[in-house]
N, C-alpha and C. Protein backbone atom coordinates (compact mmCIF):
# COMPACT_ATOMS: atom_id res chain seq x y z
N MET A 1 -30.44 -2.19 51.48
CA MET A 1 -31.90 -2.06 51.63
C MET A 1 -32.55 -2.11 50.25
N ALA A 2 -33.63 -2.87 50.14
CA ALA A 2 -34.33 -2.98 48.87
C ALA A 2 -34.99 -1.66 48.51
N ALA A 3 -35.04 -1.38 47.21
CA ALA A 3 -35.67 -0.15 46.74
C ALA A 3 -37.17 -0.19 47.01
N GLY A 4 -37.73 0.96 47.40
CA GLY A 4 -39.16 1.05 47.60
C GLY A 4 -39.89 1.18 46.28
N HIS A 5 -41.21 1.16 46.33
CA HIS A 5 -42.00 1.21 45.10
C HIS A 5 -41.78 2.51 44.33
N ARG A 6 -41.64 3.62 45.04
CA ARG A 6 -41.42 4.90 44.36
C ARG A 6 -40.12 4.86 43.56
N GLU A 7 -39.06 4.36 44.22
CA GLU A 7 -37.76 4.30 43.55
C GLU A 7 -37.78 3.32 42.38
N LEU A 8 -38.49 2.21 42.55
CA LEU A 8 -38.60 1.24 41.45
C LEU A 8 -39.33 1.83 40.25
N LEU A 9 -40.35 2.63 40.51
CA LEU A 9 -41.08 3.28 39.42
C LEU A 9 -40.19 4.30 38.71
N GLU A 10 -39.37 5.02 39.48
CA GLU A 10 -38.45 5.98 38.88
C GLU A 10 -37.38 5.27 38.06
N GLN A 11 -36.91 4.12 38.56
CA GLN A 11 -35.91 3.36 37.84
C GLN A 11 -36.49 2.68 36.61
N GLN A 12 -37.78 2.43 36.64
CA GLN A 12 -38.43 1.85 35.47
C GLN A 12 -38.29 2.79 34.28
N LYS A 13 -38.38 4.10 34.55
CA LYS A 13 -38.17 5.10 33.50
C LYS A 13 -36.76 4.98 32.92
N PHE A 14 -35.80 4.80 33.81
CA PHE A 14 -34.41 4.64 33.38
C PHE A 14 -34.28 3.48 32.40
N HIS A 15 -34.81 2.34 32.78
CA HIS A 15 -34.67 1.14 31.95
C HIS A 15 -35.39 1.30 30.61
N THR A 16 -36.53 2.00 30.62
CA THR A 16 -37.28 2.22 29.38
C THR A 16 -36.50 3.12 28.44
N ILE A 17 -35.98 4.23 28.97
CA ILE A 17 -35.22 5.17 28.15
C ILE A 17 -33.94 4.52 27.62
N LYS A 18 -33.21 3.86 28.51
CA LYS A 18 -31.95 3.23 28.12
C LYS A 18 -32.17 2.17 27.04
N ALA A 19 -33.18 1.34 27.23
CA ALA A 19 -33.44 0.27 26.26
C ALA A 19 -33.80 0.84 24.89
N GLY A 20 -34.55 1.93 24.88
CA GLY A 20 -34.97 2.53 23.63
C GLY A 20 -33.85 3.19 22.87
N LEU A 21 -32.73 3.48 23.54
CA LEU A 21 -31.59 4.12 22.90
C LEU A 21 -30.44 3.16 22.67
N GLN A 22 -30.16 2.33 23.67
CA GLN A 22 -29.01 1.44 23.61
C GLN A 22 -29.11 0.47 22.43
N GLU A 23 -30.28 -0.05 22.20
CA GLU A 23 -30.46 -1.04 21.13
C GLU A 23 -30.03 -0.46 19.78
N PHE A 24 -30.40 0.81 19.54
CA PHE A 24 -30.04 1.43 18.28
C PHE A 24 -28.56 1.76 18.22
N ARG A 25 -27.96 2.12 19.36
CA ARG A 25 -26.52 2.42 19.37
C ARG A 25 -25.72 1.16 19.01
N LEU A 26 -26.04 0.05 19.63
CA LEU A 26 -25.29 -1.18 19.36
C LEU A 26 -25.53 -1.64 17.93
N ASP A 27 -26.76 -1.49 17.47
CA ASP A 27 -27.09 -1.87 16.10
C ASP A 27 -26.35 -0.98 15.11
N ASN A 28 -26.33 0.34 15.39
CA ASN A 28 -25.62 1.26 14.52
C ASN A 28 -24.14 0.94 14.44
N PHE A 29 -23.58 0.55 15.58
CA PHE A 29 -22.16 0.22 15.64
C PHE A 29 -21.86 -0.95 14.70
N ILE A 30 -22.68 -1.97 14.76
CA ILE A 30 -22.48 -3.14 13.92
C ILE A 30 -22.69 -2.79 12.46
N ARG A 31 -23.74 -2.01 12.18
CA ARG A 31 -24.03 -1.63 10.80
C ARG A 31 -22.91 -0.77 10.21
N THR A 32 -22.32 0.09 11.03
CA THR A 32 -21.22 0.92 10.55
C THR A 32 -20.02 0.07 10.17
N LEU A 33 -19.72 -0.94 11.00
CA LEU A 33 -18.62 -1.85 10.67
C LEU A 33 -18.91 -2.60 9.38
N GLU A 34 -20.14 -3.04 9.20
CA GLU A 34 -20.51 -3.76 7.99
C GLU A 34 -20.45 -2.86 6.77
N SER A 35 -20.84 -1.59 6.98
CA SER A 35 -20.81 -0.63 5.87
C SER A 35 -19.38 -0.43 5.39
N LYS A 36 -18.43 -0.41 6.33
CA LYS A 36 -17.02 -0.24 5.96
C LYS A 36 -16.52 -1.45 5.18
N LYS A 37 -17.20 -2.57 5.34
CA LYS A 37 -16.81 -3.78 4.60
C LYS A 37 -17.49 -3.84 3.24
N GLY A 38 -18.28 -2.80 2.92
CA GLY A 38 -18.91 -2.74 1.61
C GLY A 38 -20.34 -3.19 1.55
N LYS A 39 -20.93 -3.51 2.71
CA LYS A 39 -22.31 -3.95 2.70
C LYS A 39 -23.29 -2.79 2.66
N ASN A 40 -22.80 -1.57 2.97
CA ASN A 40 -23.55 -0.34 2.77
C ASN A 40 -24.92 -0.33 3.44
N LYS A 41 -24.97 -0.73 4.69
CA LYS A 41 -26.22 -0.68 5.44
C LYS A 41 -26.34 0.66 6.15
N GLY A 42 -27.54 1.26 6.13
CA GLY A 42 -27.75 2.58 6.70
C GLY A 42 -27.82 2.56 8.21
N THR A 43 -27.46 3.70 8.82
CA THR A 43 -27.53 3.86 10.27
C THR A 43 -28.34 5.10 10.60
N ILE A 44 -28.79 5.18 11.84
CA ILE A 44 -29.55 6.33 12.30
C ILE A 44 -28.59 7.43 12.72
N LEU A 45 -28.85 8.67 12.27
CA LEU A 45 -27.95 9.78 12.55
C LEU A 45 -27.85 10.06 14.04
N PRO A 46 -26.64 10.41 14.52
CA PRO A 46 -26.47 10.76 15.94
C PRO A 46 -27.38 11.91 16.36
N PHE A 47 -27.61 12.88 15.45
CA PHE A 47 -28.49 14.00 15.77
C PHE A 47 -29.89 13.51 16.11
N VAL A 48 -30.37 12.55 15.34
CA VAL A 48 -31.72 12.03 15.56
C VAL A 48 -31.78 11.24 16.87
N ARG A 49 -30.74 10.47 17.15
CA ARG A 49 -30.69 9.74 18.41
C ARG A 49 -30.63 10.71 19.59
N GLY A 50 -29.88 11.81 19.41
CA GLY A 50 -29.80 12.82 20.47
C GLY A 50 -31.13 13.48 20.72
N LEU A 51 -31.86 13.76 19.65
CA LEU A 51 -33.19 14.36 19.78
C LEU A 51 -34.15 13.41 20.47
N ARG A 52 -34.04 12.15 20.15
CA ARG A 52 -34.86 11.13 20.79
C ARG A 52 -34.55 11.07 22.29
N PHE A 53 -33.26 11.13 22.62
CA PHE A 53 -32.83 11.08 24.03
C PHE A 53 -33.41 12.25 24.81
N SER A 54 -33.27 13.46 24.29
CA SER A 54 -33.78 14.64 25.02
C SER A 54 -35.30 14.59 25.14
N SER A 55 -35.98 14.07 24.12
CA SER A 55 -37.44 13.96 24.18
C SER A 55 -37.88 12.99 25.27
N LEU A 56 -37.21 11.85 25.35
CA LEU A 56 -37.56 10.87 26.38
C LEU A 56 -37.30 11.43 27.78
N LEU A 57 -36.22 12.21 27.93
CA LEU A 57 -35.95 12.83 29.22
C LEU A 57 -37.02 13.86 29.58
N ILE A 58 -37.47 14.62 28.60
CA ILE A 58 -38.53 15.61 28.84
C ILE A 58 -39.78 14.92 29.38
N TYR A 59 -40.18 13.83 28.74
CA TYR A 59 -41.38 13.11 29.20
C TYR A 59 -41.20 12.63 30.64
N ALA A 60 -40.01 12.11 30.96
CA ALA A 60 -39.76 11.62 32.32
C ALA A 60 -39.78 12.77 33.32
N ILE A 61 -39.11 13.88 32.98
CA ILE A 61 -39.06 15.03 33.89
C ILE A 61 -40.47 15.55 34.16
N ARG A 62 -41.30 15.61 33.15
CA ARG A 62 -42.67 16.09 33.34
C ARG A 62 -43.42 15.22 34.34
N GLU A 63 -43.18 13.93 34.29
CA GLU A 63 -43.84 13.04 35.25
C GLU A 63 -43.31 13.28 36.67
N PHE A 64 -41.99 13.43 36.80
CA PHE A 64 -41.39 13.64 38.12
C PHE A 64 -41.87 14.96 38.74
N LEU A 65 -42.20 15.94 37.90
CA LEU A 65 -42.60 17.26 38.39
C LEU A 65 -44.12 17.48 38.35
N HIS A 66 -44.86 16.45 38.03
CA HIS A 66 -46.31 16.58 37.89
C HIS A 66 -46.95 17.15 39.17
N GLY A 67 -47.77 18.17 38.97
CA GLY A 67 -48.47 18.78 40.09
C GLY A 67 -47.68 19.83 40.84
N SER A 68 -46.46 20.10 40.41
CA SER A 68 -45.60 21.05 41.13
C SER A 68 -45.65 22.46 40.56
N GLY A 69 -46.26 22.62 39.39
CA GLY A 69 -46.24 23.92 38.72
C GLY A 69 -45.02 24.09 37.83
N LEU A 70 -44.16 23.05 37.78
CA LEU A 70 -42.98 23.05 36.92
C LEU A 70 -43.16 22.04 35.80
N THR A 71 -42.48 22.27 34.70
CA THR A 71 -42.53 21.34 33.58
C THR A 71 -41.22 21.43 32.80
N ALA A 72 -41.13 20.71 31.70
CA ALA A 72 -39.92 20.72 30.87
C ALA A 72 -40.30 20.87 29.41
N SER A 73 -39.47 21.60 28.68
CA SER A 73 -39.74 21.87 27.27
C SER A 73 -38.45 21.98 26.48
N TRP A 74 -38.58 21.80 25.18
CA TRP A 74 -37.51 22.09 24.22
C TRP A 74 -37.74 23.51 23.73
N GLY A 75 -36.69 24.35 23.67
CA GLY A 75 -36.95 25.69 23.19
C GLY A 75 -35.83 26.69 23.38
N HIS A 76 -36.23 27.97 23.39
CA HIS A 76 -35.34 29.11 23.62
C HIS A 76 -35.80 29.82 24.90
N ILE A 77 -34.86 30.52 25.53
CA ILE A 77 -35.19 31.39 26.66
C ILE A 77 -35.12 32.83 26.16
N ILE A 78 -36.14 33.63 26.49
CA ILE A 78 -36.18 35.04 26.13
C ILE A 78 -35.73 35.85 27.34
N ASP A 79 -34.82 36.82 27.14
CA ASP A 79 -34.27 37.56 28.28
C ASP A 79 -35.29 38.48 28.92
N ASP A 80 -34.89 39.09 30.04
CA ASP A 80 -35.79 39.92 30.84
C ASP A 80 -36.37 41.08 30.06
N GLU A 81 -35.63 41.58 29.07
CA GLU A 81 -36.09 42.72 28.27
C GLU A 81 -36.99 42.28 27.12
N GLY A 82 -37.09 40.98 26.93
CA GLY A 82 -37.91 40.47 25.84
C GLY A 82 -37.26 40.64 24.48
N GLU A 83 -35.94 40.87 24.48
CA GLU A 83 -35.24 41.15 23.23
C GLU A 83 -34.36 39.99 22.78
N LEU A 84 -33.42 39.60 23.64
CA LEU A 84 -32.45 38.58 23.25
C LEU A 84 -32.96 37.18 23.49
N CYS A 85 -32.50 36.28 22.63
CA CYS A 85 -32.96 34.90 22.70
C CYS A 85 -31.74 34.00 22.91
N SER A 86 -31.85 33.05 23.82
CA SER A 86 -30.74 32.14 24.11
C SER A 86 -30.47 31.21 22.94
N ARG A 87 -29.41 30.47 23.07
CA ARG A 87 -29.19 29.37 22.13
C ARG A 87 -30.31 28.35 22.30
N GLU A 88 -30.41 27.46 21.33
CA GLU A 88 -31.41 26.39 21.42
C GLU A 88 -31.09 25.53 22.64
N CYS A 89 -32.10 25.23 23.43
CA CYS A 89 -31.93 24.44 24.65
C CYS A 89 -32.62 23.10 24.49
N ASP A 90 -31.86 22.02 24.63
CA ASP A 90 -32.44 20.68 24.50
C ASP A 90 -33.60 20.51 25.47
N ILE A 91 -33.35 20.94 26.72
CA ILE A 91 -34.39 20.85 27.75
C ILE A 91 -34.32 22.09 28.63
N ILE A 92 -35.47 22.73 28.83
CA ILE A 92 -35.59 23.82 29.80
C ILE A 92 -36.58 23.36 30.86
N ILE A 93 -36.16 23.35 32.10
CA ILE A 93 -37.10 23.10 33.20
C ILE A 93 -37.56 24.47 33.68
N HIS A 94 -38.88 24.68 33.66
CA HIS A 94 -39.42 26.02 33.92
C HIS A 94 -40.78 25.96 34.58
N ARG A 95 -41.22 27.08 35.08
CA ARG A 95 -42.58 27.18 35.59
C ARG A 95 -43.54 27.09 34.41
N GLU A 96 -44.69 26.52 34.65
CA GLU A 96 -45.63 26.29 33.55
C GLU A 96 -46.02 27.60 32.87
N GLY A 97 -46.22 27.50 31.56
CA GLY A 97 -46.53 28.67 30.75
C GLY A 97 -45.39 28.96 29.79
N TYR A 98 -45.64 29.82 28.81
CA TYR A 98 -44.62 30.15 27.82
C TYR A 98 -45.00 31.44 27.10
N VAL A 99 -44.00 32.05 26.48
CA VAL A 99 -44.21 33.29 25.72
C VAL A 99 -44.85 32.97 24.38
N ALA A 100 -44.35 31.95 23.73
CA ALA A 100 -44.87 31.52 22.43
C ALA A 100 -44.55 30.05 22.22
N ARG A 101 -45.28 29.45 21.28
CA ARG A 101 -45.12 28.03 21.01
C ARG A 101 -45.18 27.82 19.51
N TRP A 102 -44.20 27.14 18.96
CA TRP A 102 -44.16 26.90 17.53
C TRP A 102 -44.67 25.49 17.21
N ASN A 103 -45.67 25.44 16.38
CA ASN A 103 -46.18 24.19 15.85
C ASN A 103 -46.59 23.21 16.94
N GLY A 104 -47.04 23.75 18.05
CA GLY A 104 -47.44 22.88 19.14
C GLY A 104 -48.91 22.98 19.47
N ASP A 105 -49.69 23.51 18.55
CA ASP A 105 -51.10 23.74 18.82
C ASP A 105 -52.02 22.71 18.17
N GLY A 106 -51.44 21.65 17.66
CA GLY A 106 -52.25 20.66 16.95
C GLY A 106 -52.61 19.46 17.80
N GLY A 107 -52.62 19.63 19.10
CA GLY A 107 -52.98 18.51 19.97
C GLY A 107 -51.96 17.39 19.88
N ALA A 108 -52.45 16.18 19.97
CA ALA A 108 -51.54 15.02 20.00
C ALA A 108 -50.88 14.77 18.65
N ASN A 109 -51.37 15.42 17.59
CA ASN A 109 -50.86 15.14 16.25
C ASN A 109 -49.79 16.12 15.78
N HIS A 110 -49.39 17.08 16.64
CA HIS A 110 -48.41 18.04 16.17
C HIS A 110 -47.05 17.36 15.99
N VAL A 111 -46.29 17.88 15.01
CA VAL A 111 -44.99 17.30 14.68
C VAL A 111 -43.90 17.91 15.54
N MET A 112 -44.03 19.22 15.82
CA MET A 112 -42.99 19.95 16.55
C MET A 112 -43.62 20.63 17.76
N ASP A 113 -42.86 20.73 18.84
CA ASP A 113 -43.37 21.43 20.02
C ASP A 113 -42.20 22.19 20.65
N PHE A 114 -41.95 23.39 20.10
CA PHE A 114 -40.82 24.22 20.49
C PHE A 114 -41.35 25.46 21.18
N LYS A 115 -40.86 25.75 22.40
CA LYS A 115 -41.42 26.84 23.19
C LYS A 115 -40.40 27.93 23.48
N PHE A 116 -40.89 29.15 23.62
CA PHE A 116 -40.10 30.29 24.03
C PHE A 116 -40.48 30.59 25.48
N ILE A 117 -39.48 30.50 26.36
CA ILE A 117 -39.72 30.60 27.80
C ILE A 117 -39.15 31.90 28.34
N ASP A 118 -39.93 32.60 29.15
CA ASP A 118 -39.46 33.82 29.79
C ASP A 118 -38.33 33.49 30.76
N GLN A 119 -37.29 34.31 30.73
CA GLN A 119 -36.12 34.08 31.58
C GLN A 119 -36.48 33.97 33.06
N THR A 120 -37.44 34.74 33.51
CA THR A 120 -37.82 34.72 34.92
C THR A 120 -38.48 33.40 35.32
N GLU A 121 -38.94 32.63 34.34
CA GLU A 121 -39.62 31.37 34.63
C GLU A 121 -38.71 30.15 34.44
N ALA A 122 -37.52 30.36 33.89
CA ALA A 122 -36.61 29.25 33.62
C ALA A 122 -35.74 28.95 34.83
N LEU A 123 -35.63 27.68 35.20
CA LEU A 123 -34.84 27.27 36.35
C LEU A 123 -33.56 26.54 35.96
N VAL A 124 -33.66 25.66 34.96
CA VAL A 124 -32.53 24.81 34.58
C VAL A 124 -32.54 24.60 33.07
N VAL A 125 -31.34 24.54 32.50
CA VAL A 125 -31.18 24.09 31.12
C VAL A 125 -30.35 22.81 31.16
N ILE A 126 -30.80 21.80 30.42
CA ILE A 126 -30.06 20.54 30.33
C ILE A 126 -29.57 20.37 28.90
N SER A 127 -28.26 20.27 28.75
CA SER A 127 -27.67 19.97 27.45
C SER A 127 -27.55 18.45 27.32
N CYS A 128 -28.13 17.90 26.27
CA CYS A 128 -28.13 16.44 26.08
C CYS A 128 -27.19 16.04 24.96
N LYS A 129 -26.40 15.02 25.19
CA LYS A 129 -25.46 14.52 24.21
C LYS A 129 -25.69 13.04 23.99
N SER A 130 -25.61 12.63 22.73
CA SER A 130 -25.77 11.22 22.42
C SER A 130 -24.56 10.42 22.92
N TYR A 131 -23.34 10.97 22.70
CA TYR A 131 -22.14 10.25 23.10
C TYR A 131 -21.03 11.26 23.39
N LEU A 132 -20.47 11.21 24.59
CA LEU A 132 -19.32 12.03 24.95
C LEU A 132 -18.13 11.10 25.13
N ASN A 133 -17.14 11.26 24.27
CA ASN A 133 -16.00 10.37 24.26
C ASN A 133 -14.84 10.90 25.10
N HIS A 134 -14.78 12.26 25.25
CA HIS A 134 -13.65 12.86 25.94
C HIS A 134 -14.06 14.22 26.49
N LYS A 135 -13.37 14.67 27.52
CA LYS A 135 -13.69 15.95 28.13
C LYS A 135 -13.54 17.12 27.16
N SER A 136 -12.73 16.95 26.13
CA SER A 136 -12.53 18.01 25.14
C SER A 136 -13.79 18.27 24.32
N GLN A 137 -14.74 17.34 24.35
CA GLN A 137 -15.98 17.49 23.59
C GLN A 137 -17.05 18.30 24.34
N ILE A 138 -16.78 18.64 25.58
CA ILE A 138 -17.74 19.43 26.36
C ILE A 138 -17.81 20.84 25.80
N GLU A 139 -19.00 21.34 25.57
CA GLU A 139 -19.18 22.66 24.97
C GLU A 139 -19.00 23.77 26.01
N VAL A 140 -17.88 24.46 25.92
CA VAL A 140 -17.56 25.52 26.87
C VAL A 140 -18.39 26.77 26.59
N GLU A 141 -18.41 27.22 25.34
CA GLU A 141 -19.12 28.45 24.98
C GLU A 141 -20.62 28.32 25.22
N TYR A 142 -21.15 27.15 24.99
CA TYR A 142 -22.58 26.93 25.22
C TYR A 142 -22.92 27.21 26.68
N CYS A 143 -22.12 26.64 27.57
CA CYS A 143 -22.35 26.84 29.01
C CYS A 143 -22.20 28.31 29.38
N GLU A 144 -21.17 28.96 28.87
CA GLU A 144 -20.94 30.37 29.18
C GLU A 144 -22.09 31.24 28.70
N ASP A 145 -22.57 30.99 27.50
CA ASP A 145 -23.68 31.78 26.94
C ASP A 145 -24.96 31.59 27.74
N LEU A 146 -25.25 30.34 28.11
CA LEU A 146 -26.49 30.08 28.82
C LEU A 146 -26.50 30.66 30.22
N ARG A 147 -25.31 30.89 30.79
CA ARG A 147 -25.25 31.47 32.13
C ARG A 147 -25.83 32.89 32.15
N ASN A 148 -25.99 33.50 30.98
CA ASN A 148 -26.63 34.82 30.89
C ASN A 148 -28.14 34.72 31.06
N TYR A 149 -28.67 33.50 31.01
CA TYR A 149 -30.12 33.33 31.06
C TYR A 149 -30.59 32.51 32.26
N VAL A 150 -29.75 31.62 32.74
CA VAL A 150 -30.17 30.72 33.81
C VAL A 150 -28.95 30.33 34.65
N ASP A 151 -29.14 30.13 35.93
CA ASP A 151 -28.02 29.81 36.82
C ASP A 151 -27.61 28.34 36.76
N LYS A 152 -28.58 27.48 36.59
CA LYS A 152 -28.31 26.05 36.64
C LYS A 152 -28.26 25.46 35.22
N ILE A 153 -27.09 24.90 34.86
CA ILE A 153 -26.93 24.24 33.57
C ILE A 153 -26.40 22.84 33.83
N TRP A 154 -27.13 21.86 33.36
CA TRP A 154 -26.77 20.46 33.57
C TRP A 154 -26.37 19.82 32.25
N LEU A 155 -25.56 18.79 32.34
CA LEU A 155 -25.10 18.06 31.17
C LEU A 155 -25.44 16.59 31.35
N PHE A 156 -26.10 16.02 30.34
CA PHE A 156 -26.53 14.62 30.43
C PHE A 156 -26.20 13.93 29.11
N ALA A 157 -25.38 12.90 29.17
CA ALA A 157 -25.03 12.13 27.98
C ALA A 157 -25.74 10.78 28.01
N GLU A 158 -26.16 10.34 26.85
CA GLU A 158 -26.70 8.98 26.78
C GLU A 158 -25.63 8.00 27.25
N CYS A 159 -24.40 8.16 26.74
CA CYS A 159 -23.34 7.26 27.18
C CYS A 159 -21.96 7.89 26.96
N CYS A 160 -20.96 7.28 27.56
CA CYS A 160 -19.57 7.67 27.39
C CYS A 160 -18.72 6.43 27.65
N PRO A 161 -17.43 6.45 27.31
CA PRO A 161 -16.59 5.28 27.58
C PRO A 161 -16.50 4.98 29.07
N PRO A 162 -16.31 3.74 29.44
CA PRO A 162 -16.31 3.36 30.87
C PRO A 162 -15.23 4.03 31.69
N ASP A 163 -14.13 4.45 31.05
CA ASP A 163 -13.03 5.05 31.80
C ASP A 163 -13.00 6.57 31.68
N LYS A 164 -14.06 7.18 31.13
CA LYS A 164 -14.04 8.62 30.88
C LYS A 164 -15.06 9.41 31.70
N ALA A 165 -16.00 8.75 32.34
CA ALA A 165 -17.09 9.45 33.03
C ALA A 165 -16.57 10.39 34.12
N THR A 166 -15.60 9.93 34.90
CA THR A 166 -15.11 10.75 36.01
C THR A 166 -14.44 12.03 35.51
N GLU A 167 -13.58 11.92 34.51
CA GLU A 167 -12.89 13.12 34.02
C GLU A 167 -13.84 14.05 33.29
N ILE A 168 -14.84 13.50 32.62
CA ILE A 168 -15.85 14.34 31.97
C ILE A 168 -16.65 15.10 33.02
N ARG A 169 -17.00 14.41 34.09
CA ARG A 169 -17.75 15.06 35.18
C ARG A 169 -16.93 16.18 35.81
N GLU A 170 -15.69 15.89 36.12
CA GLU A 170 -14.82 16.89 36.75
C GLU A 170 -14.62 18.10 35.84
N LYS A 171 -14.40 17.87 34.55
CA LYS A 171 -14.19 18.96 33.61
C LYS A 171 -15.45 19.78 33.41
N SER A 172 -16.59 19.12 33.31
CA SER A 172 -17.85 19.84 33.09
C SER A 172 -18.16 20.76 34.27
N ILE A 173 -17.91 20.30 35.49
CA ILE A 173 -18.15 21.12 36.67
C ILE A 173 -17.15 22.28 36.72
N GLU A 174 -15.91 22.02 36.31
CA GLU A 174 -14.91 23.08 36.25
C GLU A 174 -15.33 24.17 35.28
N ILE A 175 -15.92 23.77 34.17
CA ILE A 175 -16.35 24.72 33.14
C ILE A 175 -17.53 25.56 33.61
N GLY A 176 -18.41 24.97 34.42
CA GLY A 176 -19.57 25.71 34.90
C GLY A 176 -20.88 24.95 34.89
N TYR A 177 -20.86 23.72 34.37
CA TYR A 177 -22.05 22.88 34.47
C TYR A 177 -22.22 22.45 35.92
N GLU A 178 -23.43 22.45 36.40
CA GLU A 178 -23.66 22.11 37.81
C GLU A 178 -23.60 20.60 38.04
N ASN A 179 -24.04 19.84 37.04
CA ASN A 179 -24.07 18.38 37.17
C ASN A 179 -23.76 17.72 35.84
N PHE A 180 -23.26 16.49 35.91
CA PHE A 180 -23.09 15.65 34.72
C PHE A 180 -23.54 14.23 35.05
N TRP A 181 -24.30 13.64 34.12
CA TRP A 181 -24.72 12.24 34.26
C TRP A 181 -24.62 11.55 32.90
N ASN A 182 -24.60 10.22 32.94
CA ASN A 182 -24.77 9.43 31.71
C ASN A 182 -25.62 8.21 32.04
N LEU A 183 -26.38 7.76 31.07
CA LEU A 183 -27.27 6.61 31.30
C LEU A 183 -26.48 5.31 31.45
N TYR A 184 -25.44 5.17 30.64
CA TYR A 184 -24.64 3.95 30.69
C TYR A 184 -23.28 4.20 30.05
N SER A 185 -22.33 3.36 30.38
CA SER A 185 -21.02 3.42 29.73
C SER A 185 -21.01 2.40 28.59
N TRP A 186 -20.27 2.74 27.55
CA TRP A 186 -20.21 1.87 26.38
C TRP A 186 -18.76 1.63 25.99
N ASP A 187 -18.37 0.38 25.97
CA ASP A 187 -17.04 -0.01 25.55
C ASP A 187 -17.10 -0.32 24.06
N ARG A 188 -16.55 0.57 23.25
CA ARG A 188 -16.61 0.40 21.79
C ARG A 188 -15.85 -0.84 21.33
N ASN A 189 -14.77 -1.17 22.03
CA ASN A 189 -13.96 -2.31 21.61
C ASN A 189 -14.71 -3.63 21.79
N GLN A 190 -15.42 -3.72 22.91
CA GLN A 190 -16.16 -4.95 23.19
C GLN A 190 -17.63 -4.84 22.77
N ASN A 191 -18.06 -3.60 22.47
CA ASN A 191 -19.47 -3.32 22.15
C ASN A 191 -20.37 -3.80 23.28
N THR A 192 -19.98 -3.44 24.51
CA THR A 192 -20.74 -3.82 25.70
C THR A 192 -21.11 -2.57 26.49
N VAL A 193 -22.13 -2.69 27.31
CA VAL A 193 -22.61 -1.54 28.09
C VAL A 193 -22.71 -1.91 29.57
N GLU A 194 -22.68 -0.87 30.39
CA GLU A 194 -22.88 -1.04 31.83
C GLU A 194 -23.76 0.10 32.33
N ASP A 195 -24.82 -0.23 33.04
CA ASP A 195 -25.76 0.77 33.54
C ASP A 195 -25.09 1.77 34.47
N SER A 196 -25.55 3.02 34.40
CA SER A 196 -25.13 4.05 35.36
C SER A 196 -26.35 4.42 36.19
N LEU A 197 -26.87 3.45 36.91
CA LEU A 197 -28.11 3.64 37.65
C LEU A 197 -27.96 4.66 38.77
N ASN A 198 -26.78 4.73 39.37
CA ASN A 198 -26.55 5.74 40.42
C ASN A 198 -26.68 7.15 39.86
N ASP A 199 -26.20 7.34 38.63
CA ASP A 199 -26.36 8.64 37.97
C ASP A 199 -27.84 8.96 37.81
N TRP A 200 -28.60 7.98 37.37
CA TRP A 200 -30.03 8.21 37.16
C TRP A 200 -30.73 8.57 38.47
N ASN A 201 -30.43 7.83 39.51
CA ASN A 201 -31.07 8.11 40.81
C ASN A 201 -30.75 9.52 41.28
N ASP A 202 -29.51 9.95 41.08
CA ASP A 202 -29.11 11.29 41.48
C ASP A 202 -29.83 12.34 40.64
N PHE A 203 -29.92 12.08 39.35
CA PHE A 203 -30.63 12.99 38.45
C PHE A 203 -32.08 13.18 38.87
N VAL A 204 -32.75 12.08 39.17
CA VAL A 204 -34.15 12.15 39.59
C VAL A 204 -34.30 12.99 40.85
N GLN A 205 -33.41 12.79 41.80
CA GLN A 205 -33.49 13.56 43.05
C GLN A 205 -33.22 15.04 42.82
N LYS A 206 -32.29 15.36 41.91
CA LYS A 206 -32.01 16.75 41.60
C LYS A 206 -33.22 17.41 40.94
N VAL A 207 -33.88 16.69 40.05
CA VAL A 207 -35.08 17.22 39.39
C VAL A 207 -36.19 17.45 40.41
N LYS A 208 -36.44 16.48 41.25
CA LYS A 208 -37.50 16.60 42.24
C LYS A 208 -37.19 17.68 43.27
N GLY A 209 -35.90 17.92 43.50
CA GLY A 209 -35.50 18.97 44.44
C GLY A 209 -35.85 20.37 43.95
N LEU A 210 -36.10 20.51 42.65
CA LEU A 210 -36.47 21.83 42.09
C LEU A 210 -37.85 22.27 42.56
N LYS A 211 -38.64 21.35 43.05
CA LYS A 211 -39.98 21.71 43.50
C LYS A 211 -39.96 22.72 44.64
N SER A 212 -38.87 22.75 45.37
CA SER A 212 -38.79 23.65 46.53
C SER A 212 -38.29 25.04 46.17
N LEU A 213 -37.91 25.26 44.90
CA LEU A 213 -37.38 26.56 44.48
C LEU A 213 -38.51 27.56 44.26
């Protein structure tokens, strides 16, 4: 059955996010090889690409949740007593509002927008990774620590090797992550990619399902 207009619009977000990240990954790969040959061309740091990935996801999640009273932010979760603060969270899906906001009061021109979210208002934390190569790279302590603040912890990678997604998913769920997705698989040997559109569709439905909580 052909996708309806709603699904096509949701998938349009997938293609926009993937294109904005994949191009730099493939370019970085080539530049790194050239650098090893002595051409010394610079590449974009994985940390920066990861931050870009989580930011693009936040924008998409906000659109999917528009009008529901839920939103998404980068920040910390403050515990029920108002004392302890969680680890840094790439994405927190929460009820609208916040305890405090750092450098986010400058309108459209602010450089940083980091929020402190009350634990009672937080529904999900999403850990974003630029590249997961093996199940051993899944952060166990991060998941364990965040379980003190929120029940649902999701893991989303920009990409992983084509033969590793299943074992990464199985391991992440075993550790305590509720879901794992990746935008696309990347074969480093061939420097080729393959869309993980089914992952994206599932992610969108999981996000929209939060409206009923």
